[in-house]
mmCIF file of all heavy atoms, coordinates in Angstrom:
data_MODEL
# 
_entry.id   MODEL 
# 
loop_
_atom_site.group_PDB 
_atom_site.id 
_atom_site.type_symbol 
_atom_site.label_atom_id 
_atom_site.label_alt_id 
_atom_site.label_comp_id 
_atom_site.label_asym_id 
_atom_site.label_entity_id 
_atom_site.label_seq_id 
_atom_site.pdbx_PDB_ins_code 
_atom_site.Cartn_x 
_atom_site.Cartn_y 
_atom_site.Cartn_z 
_atom_site.occupancy 
_atom_site.B_iso_or_equiv 
_atom_site.pdbx_formal_charge 
_atom_site.auth_seq_id 
_atom_site.auth_comp_id 
_atom_site.auth_asym_id 
_atom_site.auth_atom_id 
_atom_site.pdbx_PDB_model_num 
ATOM 1   N N   . ALA A 1 1  ? 34.171 -25.413 -25.935 1.00 0.00 ? 1  ALA A N   1 
ATOM 2   C CA  . ALA A 1 1  ? 35.223 -25.209 -26.936 1.00 0.00 ? 1  ALA A CA  1 
ATOM 3   C C   . ALA A 1 1  ? 35.747 -26.503 -27.455 1.00 0.00 ? 1  ALA A C   1 
ATOM 4   O O   . ALA A 1 1  ? 35.929 -26.688 -28.660 1.00 0.00 ? 1  ALA A O   1 
ATOM 5   C CB  . ALA A 1 1  ? 36.349 -24.323 -26.343 1.00 0.00 ? 1  ALA A CB  1 
ATOM 6   N N   . GLU A 1 2  ? 35.964 -27.474 -26.533 1.00 0.00 ? 2  GLU A N   1 
ATOM 7   C CA  . GLU A 1 2  ? 36.417 -28.802 -26.976 1.00 0.00 ? 2  GLU A CA  1 
ATOM 8   C C   . GLU A 1 2  ? 35.335 -29.550 -27.726 1.00 0.00 ? 2  GLU A C   1 
ATOM 9   O O   . GLU A 1 2  ? 35.637 -30.212 -28.760 1.00 0.00 ? 2  GLU A O   1 
ATOM 10  C CB  . GLU A 1 2  ? 36.828 -29.613 -25.708 1.00 0.00 ? 2  GLU A CB  1 
ATOM 11  C CG  . GLU A 1 2  ? 37.453 -30.966 -25.999 1.00 0.00 ? 2  GLU A CG  1 
ATOM 12  C CD  . GLU A 1 2  ? 38.743 -30.866 -26.793 1.00 0.00 ? 2  GLU A CD  1 
ATOM 13  O OE1 . GLU A 1 2  ? 39.493 -29.836 -26.673 1.00 0.00 ? 2  GLU A OE1 1 
ATOM 14  O OE2 . GLU A 1 2  ? 39.066 -31.813 -27.554 1.00 0.00 ? 2  GLU A OE2 1 
ATOM 15  N N   . ALA A 1 3  ? 34.100 -29.412 -27.298 1.00 0.00 ? 3  ALA A N   1 
ATOM 16  C CA  . ALA A 1 3  ? 32.987 -30.036 -28.008 1.00 0.00 ? 3  ALA A CA  1 
ATOM 17  C C   . ALA A 1 3  ? 32.860 -29.485 -29.411 1.00 0.00 ? 3  ALA A C   1 
ATOM 18  O O   . ALA A 1 3  ? 32.563 -30.236 -30.374 1.00 0.00 ? 3  ALA A O   1 
ATOM 19  C CB  . ALA A 1 3  ? 31.685 -29.819 -27.219 1.00 0.00 ? 3  ALA A CB  1 
ATOM 20  N N   . MET A 1 4  ? 33.094 -28.180 -29.589 1.00 0.00 ? 4  MET A N   1 
ATOM 21  C CA  . MET A 1 4  ? 33.062 -27.578 -30.930 1.00 0.00 ? 4  MET A CA  1 
ATOM 22  C C   . MET A 1 4  ? 34.076 -28.214 -31.857 1.00 0.00 ? 4  MET A C   1 
ATOM 23  O O   . MET A 1 4  ? 33.784 -28.475 -33.017 1.00 0.00 ? 4  MET A O   1 
ATOM 24  C CB  . MET A 1 4  ? 33.308 -26.069 -30.842 1.00 0.00 ? 4  MET A CB  1 
ATOM 25  C CG  . MET A 1 4  ? 32.157 -25.250 -30.271 1.00 0.00 ? 4  MET A CG  1 
ATOM 26  S SD  . MET A 1 4  ? 30.905 -24.823 -31.488 1.00 0.00 ? 4  MET A SD  1 
ATOM 27  C CE  . MET A 1 4  ? 31.790 -23.750 -32.581 1.00 0.00 ? 4  MET A CE  1 
ATOM 28  N N   . LYS A 1 5  ? 35.243 -28.439 -31.322 1.00 0.00 ? 5  LYS A N   1 
ATOM 29  C CA  . LYS A 1 5  ? 36.324 -29.051 -32.141 1.00 0.00 ? 5  LYS A CA  1 
ATOM 30  C C   . LYS A 1 5  ? 35.949 -30.460 -32.540 1.00 0.00 ? 5  LYS A C   1 
ATOM 31  O O   . LYS A 1 5  ? 36.091 -30.875 -33.707 1.00 0.00 ? 5  LYS A O   1 
ATOM 32  C CB  . LYS A 1 5  ? 37.641 -29.108 -31.346 1.00 0.00 ? 5  LYS A CB  1 
ATOM 33  C CG  . LYS A 1 5  ? 38.300 -27.803 -31.105 1.00 0.00 ? 5  LYS A CG  1 
ATOM 34  C CD  . LYS A 1 5  ? 39.551 -27.956 -30.277 1.00 0.00 ? 5  LYS A CD  1 
ATOM 35  C CE  . LYS A 1 5  ? 40.064 -26.634 -29.802 1.00 0.00 ? 5  LYS A CE  1 
ATOM 36  N NZ  . LYS A 1 5  ? 41.166 -26.744 -28.860 1.00 0.00 ? 5  LYS A NZ  1 
ATOM 37  N N   . ILE A 1 6  ? 35.389 -31.227 -31.619 1.00 0.00 ? 6  ILE A N   1 
ATOM 38  C CA  . ILE A 1 6  ? 35.004 -32.625 -31.922 1.00 0.00 ? 6  ILE A CA  1 
ATOM 39  C C   . ILE A 1 6  ? 33.907 -32.632 -32.996 1.00 0.00 ? 6  ILE A C   1 
ATOM 40  O O   . ILE A 1 6  ? 33.968 -33.307 -33.963 1.00 0.00 ? 6  ILE A O   1 
ATOM 41  C CB  . ILE A 1 6  ? 34.517 -33.358 -30.650 1.00 0.00 ? 6  ILE A CB  1 
ATOM 42  C CG1 . ILE A 1 6  ? 35.733 -33.568 -29.680 1.00 0.00 ? 6  ILE A CG1 1 
ATOM 43  C CG2 . ILE A 1 6  ? 33.864 -34.702 -31.011 1.00 0.00 ? 6  ILE A CG2 1 
ATOM 44  C CD1 . ILE A 1 6  ? 35.308 -34.077 -28.313 1.00 0.00 ? 6  ILE A CD1 1 
ATOM 45  N N   . CYS A 1 7  ? 32.892 -31.790 -32.719 1.00 0.00 ? 7  CYS A N   1 
ATOM 46  C CA  . CYS A 1 7  ? 31.739 -31.754 -33.696 1.00 0.00 ? 7  CYS A CA  1 
ATOM 47  C C   . CYS A 1 7  ? 32.229 -31.308 -35.066 1.00 0.00 ? 7  CYS A C   1 
ATOM 48  O O   . CYS A 1 7  ? 31.833 -31.902 -36.070 1.00 0.00 ? 7  CYS A O   1 
ATOM 49  C CB  . CYS A 1 7  ? 30.667 -30.817 -33.159 1.00 0.00 ? 7  CYS A CB  1 
ATOM 50  S SG  . CYS A 1 7  ? 29.754 -31.469 -31.760 1.00 0.00 ? 7  CYS A SG  1 
ATOM 51  N N   . GLY A 1 8  ? 33.102 -30.304 -35.109 1.00 0.00 ? 8  GLY A N   1 
ATOM 52  C CA  . GLY A 1 8  ? 33.603 -29.765 -36.389 1.00 0.00 ? 8  GLY A CA  1 
ATOM 53  C C   . GLY A 1 8  ? 34.357 -30.859 -37.138 1.00 0.00 ? 8  GLY A C   1 
ATOM 54  O O   . GLY A 1 8  ? 34.242 -30.926 -38.373 1.00 0.00 ? 8  GLY A O   1 
ATOM 55  N N   . GLY A 1 9  ? 35.104 -31.680 -36.416 1.00 0.00 ? 9  GLY A N   1 
ATOM 56  C CA  . GLY A 1 9  ? 35.838 -32.773 -37.080 1.00 0.00 ? 9  GLY A CA  1 
ATOM 57  C C   . GLY A 1 9  ? 35.011 -33.836 -37.710 1.00 0.00 ? 9  GLY A C   1 
ATOM 58  O O   . GLY A 1 9  ? 35.429 -34.537 -38.613 1.00 0.00 ? 9  GLY A O   1 
ATOM 59  N N   . TRP A 1 10 ? 33.755 -33.957 -37.256 1.00 0.00 ? 10 TRP A N   1 
ATOM 60  C CA  . TRP A 1 10 ? 32.842 -34.952 -37.787 1.00 0.00 ? 10 TRP A CA  1 
ATOM 61  C C   . TRP A 1 10 ? 31.753 -34.376 -38.691 1.00 0.00 ? 10 TRP A C   1 
ATOM 62  O O   . TRP A 1 10 ? 30.887 -35.075 -39.188 1.00 0.00 ? 10 TRP A O   1 
ATOM 63  C CB  . TRP A 1 10 ? 32.160 -35.710 -36.657 1.00 0.00 ? 10 TRP A CB  1 
ATOM 64  C CG  . TRP A 1 10 ? 33.107 -36.682 -35.964 1.00 0.00 ? 10 TRP A CG  1 
ATOM 65  C CD1 . TRP A 1 10 ? 33.835 -36.442 -34.834 1.00 0.00 ? 10 TRP A CD1 1 
ATOM 66  C CD2 . TRP A 1 10 ? 33.377 -37.989 -36.315 1.00 0.00 ? 10 TRP A CD2 1 
ATOM 67  N NE1 . TRP A 1 10 ? 34.555 -37.510 -34.504 1.00 0.00 ? 10 TRP A NE1 1 
ATOM 68  C CE2 . TRP A 1 10 ? 34.298 -38.530 -35.392 1.00 0.00 ? 10 TRP A CE2 1 
ATOM 69  C CE3 . TRP A 1 10 ? 32.907 -38.841 -37.344 1.00 0.00 ? 10 TRP A CE3 1 
ATOM 70  C CZ2 . TRP A 1 10 ? 34.777 -39.812 -35.458 1.00 0.00 ? 10 TRP A CZ2 1 
ATOM 71  C CZ3 . TRP A 1 10 ? 33.391 -40.140 -37.397 1.00 0.00 ? 10 TRP A CZ3 1 
ATOM 72  C CH2 . TRP A 1 10 ? 34.337 -40.610 -36.463 1.00 0.00 ? 10 TRP A CH2 1 
ATOM 73  N N   . GLY A 1 11 ? 31.745 -33.076 -38.834 1.00 0.00 ? 11 GLY A N   1 
ATOM 74  C CA  . GLY A 1 11 ? 30.674 -32.420 -39.605 1.00 0.00 ? 11 GLY A CA  1 
ATOM 75  C C   . GLY A 1 11 ? 29.414 -32.320 -38.846 1.00 0.00 ? 11 GLY A C   1 
ATOM 76  O O   . GLY A 1 11 ? 28.303 -32.170 -39.477 1.00 0.00 ? 11 GLY A O   1 
ATOM 77  N N   . SER A 1 12 ? 29.445 -32.339 -37.545 1.00 0.00 ? 12 SER A N   1 
ATOM 78  C CA  . SER A 1 12 ? 28.246 -32.247 -36.715 1.00 0.00 ? 12 SER A CA  1 
ATOM 79  C C   . SER A 1 12 ? 28.148 -30.759 -36.235 1.00 0.00 ? 12 SER A C   1 
ATOM 80  O O   . SER A 1 12 ? 29.120 -30.034 -36.242 1.00 0.00 ? 12 SER A O   1 
ATOM 81  C CB  . SER A 1 12 ? 28.311 -33.151 -35.506 1.00 0.00 ? 12 SER A CB  1 
ATOM 82  O OG  . SER A 1 12 ? 28.335 -34.539 -35.943 1.00 0.00 ? 12 SER A OG  1 
ATOM 83  N N   . ARG A 1 13 ? 26.964 -30.433 -35.770 1.00 0.00 ? 13 ARG A N   1 
ATOM 84  C CA  . ARG A 1 13 ? 26.730 -29.036 -35.299 1.00 0.00 ? 13 ARG A CA  1 
ATOM 85  C C   . ARG A 1 13 ? 26.413 -29.068 -33.789 1.00 0.00 ? 13 ARG A C   1 
ATOM 86  O O   . ARG A 1 13 ? 25.748 -29.985 -33.299 1.00 0.00 ? 13 ARG A O   1 
ATOM 87  C CB  . ARG A 1 13 ? 25.560 -28.406 -36.011 1.00 0.00 ? 13 ARG A CB  1 
ATOM 88  C CG  . ARG A 1 13 ? 25.634 -28.446 -37.541 1.00 0.00 ? 13 ARG A CG  1 
ATOM 89  C CD  . ARG A 1 13 ? 26.768 -27.517 -38.048 1.00 0.00 ? 13 ARG A CD  1 
ATOM 90  N NE  . ARG A 1 13 ? 26.948 -27.647 -39.481 1.00 0.00 ? 13 ARG A NE  1 
ATOM 91  C CZ  . ARG A 1 13 ? 26.439 -26.791 -40.356 1.00 0.00 ? 13 ARG A CZ  1 
ATOM 92  N NH1 . ARG A 1 13 ? 25.803 -25.743 -39.952 1.00 0.00 ? 13 ARG A NH1 1 
ATOM 93  N NH2 . ARG A 1 13 ? 26.642 -26.978 -41.631 1.00 0.00 ? 13 ARG A NH2 1 
ATOM 94  N N   . LEU A 1 14 ? 26.938 -28.057 -33.061 1.00 0.00 ? 14 LEU A N   1 
ATOM 95  C CA  . LEU A 1 14 ? 26.753 -28.007 -31.666 1.00 0.00 ? 14 LEU A CA  1 
ATOM 96  C C   . LEU A 1 14 ? 25.778 -26.901 -31.277 1.00 0.00 ? 14 LEU A C   1 
ATOM 97  O O   . LEU A 1 14 ? 25.885 -25.755 -31.670 1.00 0.00 ? 14 LEU A O   1 
ATOM 98  C CB  . LEU A 1 14 ? 28.099 -27.687 -30.960 1.00 0.00 ? 14 LEU A CB  1 
ATOM 99  C CG  . LEU A 1 14 ? 28.064 -27.755 -29.413 1.00 0.00 ? 14 LEU A CG  1 
ATOM 100 C CD1 . LEU A 1 14 ? 27.813 -29.200 -28.899 1.00 0.00 ? 14 LEU A CD1 1 
ATOM 101 C CD2 . LEU A 1 14 ? 29.365 -27.208 -28.835 1.00 0.00 ? 14 LEU A CD2 1 
ATOM 102 N N   . ILE A 1 15 ? 24.756 -27.336 -30.477 1.00 0.00 ? 15 ILE A N   1 
ATOM 103 C CA  . ILE A 1 15 ? 23.803 -26.393 -29.878 1.00 0.00 ? 15 ILE A CA  1 
ATOM 104 C C   . ILE A 1 15 ? 24.158 -26.291 -28.397 1.00 0.00 ? 15 ILE A C   1 
ATOM 105 O O   . ILE A 1 15 ? 24.378 -27.339 -27.740 1.00 0.00 ? 15 ILE A O   1 
ATOM 106 C CB  . ILE A 1 15 ? 22.332 -26.952 -30.002 1.00 0.00 ? 15 ILE A CB  1 
ATOM 107 C CG1 . ILE A 1 15 ? 21.964 -27.167 -31.442 1.00 0.00 ? 15 ILE A CG1 1 
ATOM 108 C CG2 . ILE A 1 15 ? 21.380 -26.136 -29.222 1.00 0.00 ? 15 ILE A CG2 1 
ATOM 109 C CD1 . ILE A 1 15 ? 21.534 -25.917 -32.185 1.00 0.00 ? 15 ILE A CD1 1 
ATOM 110 N N   . ILE A 1 16 ? 24.211 -25.093 -27.903 1.00 0.00 ? 16 ILE A N   1 
ATOM 111 C CA  . ILE A 1 16 ? 24.523 -24.891 -26.478 1.00 0.00 ? 16 ILE A CA  1 
ATOM 112 C C   . ILE A 1 16 ? 23.234 -24.711 -25.666 1.00 0.00 ? 16 ILE A C   1 
ATOM 113 O O   . ILE A 1 16 ? 22.327 -23.979 -26.112 1.00 0.00 ? 16 ILE A O   1 
ATOM 114 C CB  . ILE A 1 16 ? 25.392 -23.580 -26.314 1.00 0.00 ? 16 ILE A CB  1 
ATOM 115 C CG1 . ILE A 1 16 ? 26.687 -23.681 -27.065 1.00 0.00 ? 16 ILE A CG1 1 
ATOM 116 C CG2 . ILE A 1 16 ? 25.597 -23.283 -24.834 1.00 0.00 ? 16 ILE A CG2 1 
ATOM 117 C CD1 . ILE A 1 16 ? 27.652 -24.703 -26.593 1.00 0.00 ? 16 ILE A CD1 1 
ATOM 118 N N   . ASN A 1 17 ? 23.157 -25.464 -24.606 1.00 0.00 ? 17 ASN A N   1 
ATOM 119 C CA  . ASN A 1 17 ? 21.953 -25.356 -23.765 1.00 0.00 ? 17 ASN A CA  1 
ATOM 120 C C   . ASN A 1 17 ? 22.049 -24.161 -22.797 1.00 0.00 ? 17 ASN A C   1 
ATOM 121 O O   . ASN A 1 17 ? 23.063 -24.067 -22.041 1.00 0.00 ? 17 ASN A O   1 
ATOM 122 C CB  . ASN A 1 17 ? 21.786 -26.669 -22.946 1.00 0.00 ? 17 ASN A CB  1 
ATOM 123 C CG  . ASN A 1 17 ? 20.502 -26.682 -22.145 1.00 0.00 ? 17 ASN A CG  1 
ATOM 124 O OD1 . ASN A 1 17 ? 20.480 -26.292 -21.001 1.00 0.00 ? 17 ASN A OD1 1 
ATOM 125 N ND2 . ASN A 1 17 ? 19.434 -27.126 -22.790 1.00 0.00 ? 17 ASN A ND2 1 
ATOM 126 N N   . ASP A 1 18 ? 21.072 -23.276 -22.854 1.00 0.00 ? 18 ASP A N   1 
ATOM 127 C CA  . ASP A 1 18 ? 20.880 -22.176 -21.946 1.00 0.00 ? 18 ASP A CA  1 
ATOM 128 C C   . ASP A 1 18 ? 21.837 -20.993 -22.079 1.00 0.00 ? 18 ASP A C   1 
ATOM 129 O O   . ASP A 1 18 ? 21.445 -19.861 -22.000 1.00 0.00 ? 18 ASP A O   1 
ATOM 130 C CB  . ASP A 1 18 ? 20.962 -22.617 -20.452 1.00 0.00 ? 18 ASP A CB  1 
ATOM 131 C CG  . ASP A 1 18 ? 19.900 -23.614 -20.106 1.00 0.00 ? 18 ASP A CG  1 
ATOM 132 O OD1 . ASP A 1 18 ? 18.891 -23.729 -20.792 1.00 0.00 ? 18 ASP A OD1 1 
ATOM 133 O OD2 . ASP A 1 18 ? 20.085 -24.299 -19.071 1.00 0.00 ? 18 ASP A OD2 1 
ATOM 134 N N   . ARG A 1 19 ? 23.138 -21.271 -22.212 1.00 0.00 ? 19 ARG A N   1 
ATOM 135 C CA  . ARG A 1 19 ? 24.148 -20.205 -22.092 1.00 0.00 ? 19 ARG A CA  1 
ATOM 136 C C   . ARG A 1 19 ? 24.428 -19.491 -23.435 1.00 0.00 ? 19 ARG A C   1 
ATOM 137 O O   . ARG A 1 19 ? 25.347 -19.853 -24.165 1.00 0.00 ? 19 ARG A O   1 
ATOM 138 C CB  . ARG A 1 19 ? 25.394 -20.782 -21.495 1.00 0.00 ? 19 ARG A CB  1 
ATOM 139 C CG  . ARG A 1 19 ? 25.090 -21.466 -20.160 1.00 0.00 ? 19 ARG A CG  1 
ATOM 140 C CD  . ARG A 1 19 ? 26.329 -21.871 -19.448 1.00 0.00 ? 19 ARG A CD  1 
ATOM 141 N NE  . ARG A 1 19 ? 25.999 -22.821 -18.362 1.00 0.00 ? 19 ARG A NE  1 
ATOM 142 C CZ  . ARG A 1 19 ? 26.759 -23.017 -17.298 1.00 0.00 ? 19 ARG A CZ  1 
ATOM 143 N NH1 . ARG A 1 19 ? 27.833 -22.353 -17.157 1.00 0.00 ? 19 ARG A NH1 1 
ATOM 144 N NH2 . ARG A 1 19 ? 26.386 -23.898 -16.407 1.00 0.00 ? 19 ARG A NH2 1 
ATOM 145 N N   . VAL A 1 20 ? 23.578 -18.492 -23.663 1.00 0.00 ? 20 VAL A N   1 
ATOM 146 C CA  . VAL A 1 20 ? 23.630 -17.784 -24.967 1.00 0.00 ? 20 VAL A CA  1 
ATOM 147 C C   . VAL A 1 20 ? 24.986 -17.128 -25.140 1.00 0.00 ? 20 VAL A C   1 
ATOM 148 O O   . VAL A 1 20 ? 25.531 -17.125 -26.251 1.00 0.00 ? 20 VAL A O   1 
ATOM 149 C CB  . VAL A 1 20 ? 22.529 -16.742 -25.007 1.00 0.00 ? 20 VAL A CB  1 
ATOM 150 C CG1 . VAL A 1 20 ? 22.558 -15.972 -26.329 1.00 0.00 ? 20 VAL A CG1 1 
ATOM 151 C CG2 . VAL A 1 20 ? 21.156 -17.357 -24.835 1.00 0.00 ? 20 VAL A CG2 1 
ATOM 152 N N   . GLU A 1 21 ? 25.576 -16.567 -24.069 1.00 0.00 ? 21 GLU A N   1 
ATOM 153 C CA  . GLU A 1 21 ? 26.875 -15.865 -24.180 1.00 0.00 ? 21 GLU A CA  1 
ATOM 154 C C   . GLU A 1 21 ? 27.957 -16.869 -24.632 1.00 0.00 ? 21 GLU A C   1 
ATOM 155 O O   . GLU A 1 21 ? 28.848 -16.475 -25.373 1.00 0.00 ? 21 GLU A O   1 
ATOM 156 C CB  . GLU A 1 21 ? 27.233 -15.182 -22.876 1.00 0.00 ? 21 GLU A CB  1 
ATOM 157 C CG  . GLU A 1 21 ? 27.487 -16.086 -21.669 1.00 0.00 ? 21 GLU A CG  1 
ATOM 158 C CD  . GLU A 1 21 ? 26.286 -16.760 -21.041 1.00 0.00 ? 21 GLU A CD  1 
ATOM 159 O OE1 . GLU A 1 21 ? 25.137 -16.390 -21.355 1.00 0.00 ? 21 GLU A OE1 1 
ATOM 160 O OE2 . GLU A 1 21 ? 26.503 -17.668 -20.236 1.00 0.00 ? 21 GLU A OE2 1 
ATOM 161 N N   . VAL A 1 22 ? 27.927 -18.096 -24.176 1.00 0.00 ? 22 VAL A N   1 
ATOM 162 C CA  . VAL A 1 22 ? 28.885 -19.110 -24.585 1.00 0.00 ? 22 VAL A CA  1 
ATOM 163 C C   . VAL A 1 22 ? 28.702 -19.428 -26.075 1.00 0.00 ? 22 VAL A C   1 
ATOM 164 O O   . VAL A 1 22 ? 29.652 -19.499 -26.845 1.00 0.00 ? 22 VAL A O   1 
ATOM 165 C CB  . VAL A 1 22 ? 28.811 -20.375 -23.721 1.00 0.00 ? 22 VAL A CB  1 
ATOM 166 C CG1 . VAL A 1 22 ? 29.718 -21.482 -24.288 1.00 0.00 ? 22 VAL A CG1 1 
ATOM 167 C CG2 . VAL A 1 22 ? 29.188 -20.080 -22.279 1.00 0.00 ? 22 VAL A CG2 1 
ATOM 168 N N   . ALA A 1 23 ? 27.457 -19.627 -26.466 1.00 0.00 ? 23 ALA A N   1 
ATOM 169 C CA  . ALA A 1 23 ? 27.175 -19.899 -27.906 1.00 0.00 ? 23 ALA A CA  1 
ATOM 170 C C   . ALA A 1 23 ? 27.656 -18.814 -28.783 1.00 0.00 ? 23 ALA A C   1 
ATOM 171 O O   . ALA A 1 23 ? 28.242 -19.039 -29.859 1.00 0.00 ? 23 ALA A O   1 
ATOM 172 C CB  . ALA A 1 23 ? 25.657 -20.094 -28.060 1.00 0.00 ? 23 ALA A CB  1 
ATOM 173 N N   . ALA A 1 24 ? 27.439 -17.568 -28.344 1.00 0.00 ? 24 ALA A N   1 
ATOM 174 C CA  . ALA A 1 24 ? 27.878 -16.382 -29.159 1.00 0.00 ? 24 ALA A CA  1 
ATOM 175 C C   . ALA A 1 24 ? 29.410 -16.333 -29.200 1.00 0.00 ? 24 ALA A C   1 
ATOM 176 O O   . ALA A 1 24 ? 29.991 -16.095 -30.233 1.00 0.00 ? 24 ALA A O   1 
ATOM 177 C CB  . ALA A 1 24 ? 27.287 -15.112 -28.535 1.00 0.00 ? 24 ALA A CB  1 
# 
């Protein structure tokens, strides 16, 4: 969740490794 905020602030995209439920 924190990584999503950081990436969003820079216009970057976050890929989650393995944990599909977290990505969803």
